[in-house]
Amino acid sequence: MRSEIILIIMGMALATFFTRFGCLVLFSRTGIPSFLQGWLQHVPTAILTALIVPGLLLPKGYLDLTIHNHYLLAGIIAAFIAYKSRNILATIGIGMAVMVTLKFLG
C-alpha cells in the first residue's frame, strides 16, 4: 500500500478520534445543553434526507421530475406507505415491489 494512503487513513482516524474525544471531555461534567440536545435530534433526519433525495431526483445525473423516473415514483409511494403504516418492513417491501414492477414494465 502506498504511504500516502496510510497517512490519509491515519489522519482521518486521528481527526475522528479527537472530535469525539473533545465532545466527551467538554460535556463530561456538565452534560449536553438542552438547546444542543434538541438540535442534535434532527441530525439523523437531515443525514438520511441528504442521502436519499439525490438518488430520487438525480438518478441519471440530472434533475428528472418526469413520470419516467422510477426511483422518484417508488420513493413517493414508499414515503406514503411509511406515513400511513409506520411499518419499516411494509415500507421497504412495497417500495422494492413498486421499483421492480416499474423496471419490469418500463
Protein backbone atom coordinates (compact mmCIF):
# COMPACT_ATOMS: atom_id res chain seq x y z
CA MET A 1 0.00 0.00 0.00
CA ARG A 2 1.27 3.46 -0.81
CA SER A 3 2.44 5.64 2.05
CA GLU A 4 0.06 8.48 1.10
CA ILE A 5 -2.96 6.23 1.61
CA ILE A 6 -1.68 5.07 5.00
CA LEU A 7 -1.11 8.68 6.04
CA ILE A 8 -4.61 9.66 4.90
CA ILE A 9 -6.15 6.78 6.88
CA MET A 10 -4.14 7.66 9.98
CA GLY A 11 -5.01 11.34 9.65
CA MET A 12 -8.72 10.64 9.33
CA ALA A 13 -8.57 8.25 12.30
CA LEU A 14 -6.94 10.97 14.41
CA ALA A 15 -9.46 13.58 13.26
CA THR A 16 -12.36 11.25 14.13
CA PHE A 17 -10.86 10.37 17.50
CA PHE A 18 -10.17 13.96 18.55
CA THR A 19 -13.59 15.28 17.53
CA ARG A 20 -15.31 12.57 19.56
CA PHE A 21 -12.87 12.80 22.46
CA GLY A 22 -13.24 16.59 22.51
CA CYS A 23 -17.00 16.35 22.91
CA LEU A 24 -16.61 13.72 25.61
CA VAL A 25 -14.23 15.93 27.60
CA LEU A 26 -16.28 19.08 27.01
CA PHE A 27 -19.59 17.62 28.16
CA SER A 28 -18.37 15.05 30.74
CA ARG A 29 -19.09 17.24 33.77
CA THR A 30 -21.95 19.46 32.66
CA GLY A 31 -23.83 17.24 30.21
CA ILE A 32 -25.15 18.31 26.84
CA PRO A 33 -27.05 21.63 26.97
CA SER A 34 -30.78 21.35 26.24
CA PHE A 35 -30.64 23.57 23.13
CA LEU A 36 -27.89 21.37 21.67
CA GLN A 37 -29.76 18.21 22.61
CA GLY A 38 -32.84 19.44 20.73
CA TRP A 39 -30.74 20.39 17.71
CA LEU A 40 -28.93 17.04 17.64
CA GLN A 41 -32.24 15.17 17.49
CA HIS A 42 -32.70 16.45 13.92
CA VAL A 43 -29.29 15.32 12.64
CA PRO A 44 -30.33 11.75 11.62
CA THR A 45 -33.28 13.07 9.61
CA ALA A 46 -31.05 15.60 7.86
CA ILE A 47 -28.42 12.99 7.03
CA LEU A 48 -30.96 10.49 5.67
CA THR A 49 -32.58 13.22 3.59
CA ALA A 50 -29.20 14.23 2.18
CA LEU A 51 -28.52 10.62 1.22
CA ILE A 52 -31.93 9.73 -0.24
CA VAL A 53 -33.11 12.85 -2.10
CA PRO A 54 -30.26 12.99 -4.68
CA GLY A 55 -30.89 9.33 -5.54
CA LEU A 56 -34.57 10.02 -6.13
CA LEU A 57 -34.28 13.29 -8.02
CA LEU A 58 -30.99 12.78 -9.90
CA PRO A 59 -30.92 9.10 -10.94
CA LYS A 60 -29.14 9.80 -14.25
CA GLY A 61 -27.03 12.70 -13.06
CA TYR A 62 -29.54 15.42 -13.91
CA LEU A 63 -32.82 16.56 -12.38
CA ASP A 64 -35.60 14.24 -13.52
CA LEU A 65 -39.10 15.11 -12.28
CA THR A 66 -40.94 13.20 -15.00
CA ILE A 67 -43.21 10.16 -14.80
CA HIS A 68 -40.36 8.10 -16.28
CA ASN A 69 -38.24 8.48 -13.12
CA HIS A 70 -38.93 5.11 -11.50
CA TYR A 71 -36.87 5.98 -8.43
CA LEU A 72 -39.00 9.04 -7.70
CA LEU A 73 -42.28 7.18 -8.18
CA ALA A 74 -41.22 4.30 -5.94
CA GLY A 75 -39.90 6.78 -3.38
CA ILE A 76 -43.16 8.71 -3.27
CA ILE A 77 -45.16 5.50 -2.83
CA ALA A 78 -42.75 4.26 -0.14
CA ALA A 79 -42.99 7.59 1.70
CA PHE A 80 -46.79 7.38 1.61
CA ILE A 81 -46.71 3.80 2.94
CA ALA A 82 -44.29 4.85 5.69
CA TYR A 83 -46.55 7.74 6.67
CA LYS A 84 -49.72 5.63 6.75
CA SER A 85 -48.44 2.35 8.22
CA ARG A 86 -45.41 3.39 10.31
CA ASN A 87 -44.05 -0.07 9.46
CA ILE A 88 -40.49 -0.24 8.14
CA LEU A 89 -40.89 -3.73 6.65
CA ALA A 90 -44.04 -2.74 4.76
CA THR A 91 -42.32 0.42 3.53
CA ILE A 92 -39.25 -1.42 2.25
CA GLY A 93 -41.21 -4.33 0.82
CA ILE A 94 -43.77 -2.24 -1.05
CA GLY A 95 -41.15 0.24 -2.20
CA MET A 96 -39.00 -2.54 -3.62
CA ALA A 97 -42.01 -4.23 -5.22
CA VAL A 98 -43.01 -0.97 -6.90
CA MET A 99 -39.45 -0.41 -8.11
CA VAL A 100 -39.14 -3.93 -9.55
CA THR A 101 -42.56 -3.64 -11.20
CA LEU A 102 -41.71 -0.28 -12.78
CA LYS A 103 -38.36 -1.57 -14.03
CA PHE A 104 -40.03 -4.70 -15.45
CA LEU A 105 -42.82 -2.75 -17.18
CA GLY A 106 -40.79 0.11 -18.50
